[in-house]
């Protein structure tokens, strides 16, 4: 039986806490094999935003840590089955590379593989405001089969802490892969509003 493999790519855009929480949540699913690849810029951003301890935690929770320049790694091949890939956060540079098929490192190559094999690819694009090139690249990857999911908080859950927002975003991204038996993120229920 093929393991439930999920690739998590992390780029240098702001939002390192989201990638850490995605890895933490995936690690709680005992059947999931996490393949982690961080860009060079991601390492710098994770250290700046979350600290060395968080970086160590993320790396330790992954089943396999891939070097971004290891273009011959298993996740670079379509013959290596996965359930999907999440790029969180996804910088505009990485989005551009994916949109144009410019597979110059393992992260962008793995994303390209997910598109060509028609597997789930979730891109948590992180930039604001957006200019026309950003928007066109988002359209291009969407037309190719990716799911563009900017990390937009759901305030109807009435988050009390930053962690609540980050956790909800991580859960929503994982839900896009359809690997959990039940939704990870809270589901909007209109009757909740009447009770408030």
C-alpha atoms as a PDB file:
ATOM      1  CA  UNK A   1       0.000   0.000   0.000  1.00  0.00           C
ATOM      2  CA  UNK A   2       1.345   3.428  -0.990  1.00  0.00           C
ATOM      3  CA  UNK A   3       1.931   5.775   1.983  1.00  0.00           C
ATOM      4  CA  UNK A   4      -0.102   8.976   2.208  1.00  0.00           C
ATOM      5  CA  UNK A   5       2.705  11.290   1.132  1.00  0.00           C
ATOM      6  CA  UNK A   6       2.328  15.057   1.240  1.00  0.00           C
ATOM      7  CA  UNK A   7       4.947  17.505  -0.016  1.00  0.00           C
ATOM      8  CA  UNK A   8       5.230  20.793   1.883  1.00  0.00           C
ATOM      9  CA  UNK A   9       7.201  23.555   0.202  1.00  0.00           C
ATOM     10  CA  UNK A  10       8.175  26.683   2.108  1.00  0.00           C
ATOM     11  CA  UNK A  11       9.377  29.865   0.401  1.00  0.00           C
ATOM     12  CA  UNK A  12      10.752  33.146   1.692  1.00  0.00           C
ATOM     13  CA  UNK A  13       7.479  35.079   1.758  1.00  0.00           C
ATOM     14  CA  UNK A  14       6.210  36.227   5.141  1.00  0.00           C
ATOM     15  CA  UNK A  15       4.002  33.737   6.968  1.00  0.00           C
ATOM     16  CA  UNK A  16       6.394  31.091   8.272  1.00  0.00           C
ATOM     17  CA  UNK A  17       4.056  30.287  11.134  1.00  0.00           C
ATOM     18  CA  UNK A  18       1.520  28.916   8.648  1.00  0.00           C
ATOM     19  CA  UNK A  19       4.003  26.417   7.212  1.00  0.00           C
ATOM     20  CA  UNK A  20       5.034  25.332  10.703  1.00  0.00           C
ATOM     21  CA  UNK A  21       1.406  24.753  11.696  1.00  0.00           C
ATOM     22  CA  UNK A  22       0.720  22.797   8.487  1.00  0.00           C
ATOM     23  CA  UNK A  23       3.638  20.497   9.274  1.00  0.00           C
ATOM     24  CA  UNK A  24       2.471  20.143  12.886  1.00  0.00           C
ATOM     25  CA  UNK A  25      -1.068  19.256  11.814  1.00  0.00           C
ATOM     26  CA  UNK A  26       0.135  16.779   9.184  1.00  0.00           C
ATOM     27  CA  UNK A  27       2.451  15.163  11.750  1.00  0.00           C
ATOM     28  CA  UNK A  28      -0.594  14.553  13.977  1.00  0.00           C
ATOM     29  CA  UNK A  29      -2.005  12.378  11.184  1.00  0.00           C
ATOM     30  CA  UNK A  30      -0.007   9.223  11.816  1.00  0.00           C
ATOM     31  CA  UNK A  31      -0.621   7.874   8.307  1.00  0.00           C
ATOM     32  CA  UNK A  32       0.930  10.915   6.584  1.00  0.00           C
ATOM     33  CA  UNK A  33       4.512  10.935   5.334  1.00  0.00           C
ATOM     34  CA  UNK A  34       5.709  14.560   5.151  1.00  0.00           C
ATOM     35  CA  UNK A  35       8.265  15.530   2.497  1.00  0.00           C
ATOM     36  CA  UNK A  36       9.561  19.000   3.361  1.00  0.00           C
ATOM     37  CA  UNK A  37      11.566  21.329   1.127  1.00  0.00           C
ATOM     38  CA  UNK A  38      12.549  24.866   2.105  1.00  0.00           C
ATOM     39  CA  UNK A  39      14.032  27.473  -0.201  1.00  0.00           C
ATOM     40  CA  UNK A  40      17.129  29.335   0.975  1.00  0.00           C
ATOM     41  CA  UNK A  41      15.002  32.427   1.549  1.00  0.00           C
ATOM     42  CA  UNK A  42      12.500  30.359   3.538  1.00  0.00           C
ATOM     43  CA  UNK A  43      15.181  29.342   6.019  1.00  0.00           C
ATOM     44  CA  UNK A  44      16.005  32.986   6.616  1.00  0.00           C
ATOM     45  CA  UNK A  45      12.337  33.969   7.003  1.00  0.00           C
ATOM     46  CA  UNK A  46      11.504  31.085   9.363  1.00  0.00           C
ATOM     47  CA  UNK A  47      14.447  32.013  11.590  1.00  0.00           C
ATOM     48  CA  UNK A  48      13.456  35.684  11.568  1.00  0.00           C
ATOM     49  CA  UNK A  49       9.722  35.226  12.145  1.00  0.00           C
ATOM     50  CA  UNK A  50       9.584  32.076  14.276  1.00  0.00           C
ATOM     51  CA  UNK A  51      13.108  31.486  15.634  1.00  0.00           C
ATOM     52  CA  UNK A  52      15.606  28.639  15.662  1.00  0.00           C
ATOM     53  CA  UNK A  53      13.476  26.426  17.902  1.00  0.00           C
ATOM     54  CA  UNK A  54      10.557  26.569  15.446  1.00  0.00           C
ATOM     55  CA  UNK A  55      12.904  25.804  12.559  1.00  0.00           C
ATOM     56  CA  UNK A  56      14.210  22.761  14.429  1.00  0.00           C
ATOM     57  CA  UNK A  57      10.660  21.643  15.227  1.00  0.00           C
ATOM     58  CA  UNK A  58       9.558  21.908  11.595  1.00  0.00           C
ATOM     59  CA  UNK A  59      12.559  19.910  10.381  1.00  0.00           C
ATOM     60  CA  UNK A  60      12.165  17.272  13.090  1.00  0.00           C
ATOM     61  CA  UNK A  61       8.474  16.686  12.352  1.00  0.00           C
ATOM     62  CA  UNK A  62       9.061  16.044   8.653  1.00  0.00           C
ATOM     63  CA  UNK A  63       9.463  12.427   7.580  1.00  0.00           C
ATOM     64  CA  UNK A  64      11.985  13.509   4.937  1.00  0.00           C
ATOM     65  CA  UNK A  65      13.838  16.815   4.587  1.00  0.00           C
ATOM     66  CA  UNK A  66      14.893  17.545   1.014  1.00  0.00           C
ATOM     67  CA  UNK A  67      17.602  20.032   0.061  1.00  0.00           C
ATOM     68  CA  UNK A  68      16.205  22.652  -2.314  1.00  0.00           C
ATOM     69  CA  UNK A  69      19.073  22.070  -4.756  1.00  0.00           C
ATOM     70  CA  UNK A  70      18.621  18.271  -4.823  1.00  0.00           C
ATOM     71  CA  UNK A  71      16.894  18.151  -8.187  1.00  0.00           C
ATOM     72  CA  UNK A  72      17.277  14.350  -8.217  1.00  0.00           C
ATOM     73  CA  UNK A  73      15.201  13.799  -5.048  1.00  0.00           C
ATOM     74  CA  UNK A  74      12.240  11.423  -5.149  1.00  0.00           C
ATOM     75  CA  UNK A  75       9.664  14.248  -5.179  1.00  0.00           C
ATOM     76  CA  UNK A  76      11.159  15.515  -8.463  1.00  0.00           C
ATOM     77  CA  UNK A  77       9.703  12.504 -10.282  1.00  0.00           C
ATOM     78  CA  UNK A  78       6.144  11.824 -11.309  1.00  0.00           C
ATOM     79  CA  UNK A  79       6.756   8.141 -10.615  1.00  0.00           C
ATOM     80  CA  UNK A  80       6.881   8.968  -6.879  1.00  0.00           C
ATOM     81  CA  UNK A  81       3.209   9.025  -5.812  1.00  0.00           C
ATOM     82  CA  UNK A  82       1.916  11.690  -3.439  1.00  0.00           C
ATOM     83  CA  UNK A  83      -1.502  12.870  -2.298  1.00  0.00           C
ATOM     84  CA  UNK A  84      -0.607  16.470  -3.015  1.00  0.00           C
ATOM     85  CA  UNK A  85       1.616  19.437  -2.304  1.00  0.00           C
ATOM     86  CA  UNK A  86       1.140  22.632  -0.322  1.00  0.00           C
ATOM     87  CA  UNK A  87       3.425  25.620  -0.852  1.00  0.00           C
ATOM     88  CA  UNK A  88       3.022  27.821   2.209  1.00  0.00           C
ATOM     89  CA  UNK A  89       3.742  30.593   2.021  1.00  0.00           C
ATOM     90  CA  UNK A  90       4.186  30.875  -1.740  1.00  0.00           C
ATOM     91  CA  UNK A  91       6.246  33.891  -2.790  1.00  0.00           C
ATOM     92  CA  UNK A  92       5.548  35.714  -6.038  1.00  0.00           C
ATOM     93  CA  UNK A  93       8.942  34.532  -7.296  1.00  0.00           C
ATOM     94  CA  UNK A  94       7.923  30.909  -6.744  1.00  0.00           C
ATOM     95  CA  UNK A  95       4.485  31.531  -8.236  1.00  0.00           C
ATOM     96  CA  UNK A  96       6.152  32.967 -11.336  1.00  0.00           C
ATOM     97  CA  UNK A  97       8.467  29.972 -11.655  1.00  0.00           C
ATOM     98  CA  UNK A  98       5.542  27.542 -11.343  1.00  0.00           C
ATOM     99  CA  UNK A  99       3.383  29.542 -13.776  1.00  0.00           C
ATOM    100  CA  UNK A 100       6.112  29.505 -16.414  1.00  0.00           C
ATOM    101  CA  UNK A 101       7.344  25.942 -15.830  1.00  0.00           C
ATOM    102  CA  UNK A 102      10.749  27.230 -14.716  1.00  0.00           C
ATOM    103  CA  UNK A 103      11.801  24.300 -12.534  1.00  0.00           C
ATOM    104  CA  UNK A 104      15.134  25.669 -11.362  1.00  0.00           C
ATOM    105  CA  UNK A 105      15.095  24.016  -7.924  1.00  0.00           C
ATOM    106  CA  UNK A 106      13.473  21.076  -6.167  1.00  0.00           C
ATOM    107  CA  UNK A 107      10.548  23.077  -4.812  1.00  0.00           C
ATOM    108  CA  UNK A 108       9.466  24.408  -8.197  1.00  0.00           C
ATOM    109  CA  UNK A 109      10.193  21.063  -9.858  1.00  0.00           C
ATOM    110  CA  UNK A 110       8.005  19.234  -7.328  1.00  0.00           C
ATOM    111  CA  UNK A 111       5.207  21.743  -7.974  1.00  0.00           C
ATOM    112  CA  UNK A 112       5.618  21.209 -11.712  1.00  0.00           C
ATOM    113  CA  UNK A 113       5.382  17.435 -11.187  1.00  0.00           C
ATOM    114  CA  UNK A 114       2.130  17.860  -9.269  1.00  0.00           C
ATOM    115  CA  UNK A 115       0.647  19.861 -12.128  1.00  0.00           C
ATOM    116  CA  UNK A 116       1.742  17.445 -14.843  1.00  0.00           C
ATOM    117  CA  UNK A 117       0.547  14.409 -12.869  1.00  0.00           C
ATOM    118  CA  UNK A 118      -2.798  16.155 -12.153  1.00  0.00           C
ATOM    119  CA  UNK A 119      -2.277  16.010  -8.402  1.00  0.00           C
ATOM    120  CA  UNK A 120      -3.458  18.583  -5.875  1.00  0.00           C
ATOM    121  CA  UNK A 121      -1.197  21.629  -5.665  1.00  0.00           C
ATOM    122  CA  UNK A 122      -2.188  24.289  -3.128  1.00  0.00           C
ATOM    123  CA  UNK A 123      -0.368  27.616  -3.406  1.00  0.00           C
ATOM    124  CA  UNK A 124      -0.784  29.914  -0.414  1.00  0.00           C
ATOM    125  CA  UNK A 125       0.296  33.000  -2.333  1.00  0.00           C
ATOM    126  CA  UNK A 126       1.509  35.780  -0.098  1.00  0.00           C
ATOM    127  CA  UNK A 127       1.694  39.361  -1.365  1.00  0.00           C
ATOM    128  CA  UNK A 128      -0.346  42.545  -1.190  1.00  0.00           C
ATOM    129  CA  UNK A 129      -1.280  44.609  -3.039  1.00  0.00           C
ATOM    130  CA  UNK A 130      -1.238  42.564  -6.226  1.00  0.00           C
ATOM    131  CA  UNK A 131      -0.262  43.910  -9.633  1.00  0.00           C
ATOM    132  CA  UNK A 132      -1.340  42.559 -13.001  1.00  0.00           C
ATOM    133  CA  UNK A 133       1.578  40.146 -13.404  1.00  0.00           C
ATOM    134  CA  UNK A 134       0.779  38.543 -10.020  1.00  0.00           C
ATOM    135  CA  UNK A 135      -2.863  38.166 -11.021  1.00  0.00           C
ATOM    136  CA  UNK A 136      -2.025  36.734 -14.434  1.00  0.00           C
ATOM    137  CA  UNK A 137       0.337  34.207 -12.874  1.00  0.00           C
ATOM    138  CA  UNK A 138      -2.413  33.180 -10.461  1.00  0.00           C
ATOM    139  CA  UNK A 139      -4.773  32.699 -13.416  1.00  0.00           C
ATOM    140  CA  UNK A 140      -2.137  30.680 -15.274  1.00  0.00           C
ATOM    141  CA  UNK A 141      -1.525  28.228 -12.427  1.00  0.00           C
ATOM    142  CA  UNK A 142      -5.257  27.939 -11.777  1.00  0.00           C
ATOM    143  CA  UNK A 143      -5.850  27.072 -15.432  1.00  0.00           C
ATOM    144  CA  UNK A 144      -3.085  24.466 -15.106  1.00  0.00           C
ATOM    145  CA  UNK A 145      -4.878  22.854 -12.164  1.00  0.00           C
ATOM    146  CA  UNK A 146      -3.407  24.465  -9.044  1.00  0.00           C
ATOM    147  CA  UNK A 147      -5.475  25.834  -6.176  1.00  0.00           C
ATOM    148  CA  UNK A 148      -4.530  29.427  -5.369  1.00  0.00           C
ATOM    149  CA  UNK A 149      -5.287  30.009  -1.708  1.00  0.00           C
ATOM    150  CA  UNK A 150      -4.039  33.305  -0.280  1.00  0.00           C
ATOM    151  CA  UNK A 151      -3.893  33.108   3.533  1.00  0.00           C
ATOM    152  CA  UNK A 152      -7.074  35.090   4.185  1.00  0.00           C
ATOM    153  CA  UNK A 153      -8.384  34.699   7.767  1.00  0.00           C
ATOM    154  CA  UNK A 154     -11.941  33.610   8.510  1.00  0.00           C
ATOM    155  CA  UNK A 155     -13.096  36.170  11.045  1.00  0.00           C
ATOM    156  CA  UNK A 156     -16.519  34.544  11.447  1.00  0.00           C
ATOM    157  CA  UNK A 157     -14.758  32.071  13.763  1.00  0.00           C
ATOM    158  CA  UNK A 158     -13.993  35.025  16.054  1.00  0.00           C
ATOM    159  CA  UNK A 159     -10.297  34.247  16.510  1.00  0.00           C
ATOM    160  CA  UNK A 160      -8.895  35.350  19.860  1.00  0.00           C
ATOM    161  CA  UNK A 161      -5.181  34.922  19.112  1.00  0.00           C
ATOM    162  CA  UNK A 162      -2.857  34.996  16.128  1.00  0.00           C
ATOM    163  CA  UNK A 163      -2.470  31.231  16.637  1.00  0.00           C
ATOM    164  CA  UNK A 164      -6.219  30.783  15.999  1.00  0.00           C
ATOM    165  CA  UNK A 165      -5.863  32.499  12.618  1.00  0.00           C
ATOM    166  CA  UNK A 166      -2.745  30.535  11.677  1.00  0.00           C
ATOM    167  CA  UNK A 167      -4.314  27.252  12.759  1.00  0.00           C
ATOM    168  CA  UNK A 168      -7.457  27.872  10.702  1.00  0.00           C
ATOM    169  CA  UNK A 169      -5.400  28.715   7.614  1.00  0.00           C
ATOM    170  CA  UNK A 170      -3.298  25.575   8.019  1.00  0.00           C
ATOM    171  CA  UNK A 171      -6.408  23.442   8.465  1.00  0.00           C
ATOM    172  CA  UNK A 172      -8.061  24.907   5.347  1.00  0.00           C
ATOM    173  CA  UNK A 173      -4.962  24.194   3.261  1.00  0.00           C
ATOM    174  CA  UNK A 174      -4.858  20.575   4.437  1.00  0.00           C
ATOM    175  CA  UNK A 175      -8.588  20.235   3.745  1.00  0.00           C
ATOM    176  CA  UNK A 176      -7.904  21.077   0.094  1.00  0.00           C
ATOM    177  CA  UNK A 177      -5.934  17.835  -0.239  1.00  0.00           C
ATOM    178  CA  UNK A 178      -8.852  15.696   0.935  1.00  0.00           C
ATOM    179  CA  UNK A 179      -6.638  13.359   2.969  1.00  0.00           C
ATOM    180  CA  UNK A 180      -8.378  13.610   6.352  1.00  0.00           C
ATOM    181  CA  UNK A 181     -11.531  11.622   7.154  1.00  0.00           C
ATOM    182  CA  UNK A 182     -13.213  14.832   8.360  1.00  0.00           C
ATOM    183  CA  UNK A 183     -12.649  18.552   7.705  1.00  0.00           C
ATOM    184  CA  UNK A 184      -9.808  20.037   9.743  1.00  0.00           C
ATOM    185  CA  UNK A 185     -11.098  23.610   9.690  1.00  0.00           C
ATOM    186  CA  UNK A 186     -14.281  24.708  11.499  1.00  0.00           C
ATOM    187  CA  UNK A 187     -17.258  24.595   9.161  1.00  0.00           C
ATOM    188  CA  UNK A 188     -19.457  27.658   8.783  1.00  0.00           C
ATOM    189  CA  UNK A 189     -22.907  26.909  10.166  1.00  0.00           C
ATOM    190  CA  UNK A 190     -25.513  29.658   9.737  1.00  0.00           C
ATOM    191  CA  UNK A 191     -27.373  28.652  12.901  1.00  0.00           C
ATOM    192  CA  UNK A 192     -24.278  29.661  14.909  1.00  0.00           C
ATOM    193  CA  UNK A 193     -24.985  33.289  14.067  1.00  0.00           C
ATOM    194  CA  UNK A 194     -28.523  33.062  15.475  1.00  0.00           C
ATOM    195  CA  UNK A 195     -27.154  31.745  18.777  1.00  0.00           C
ATOM    196  CA  UNK A 196     -24.885  34.776  19.282  1.00  0.00           C
END
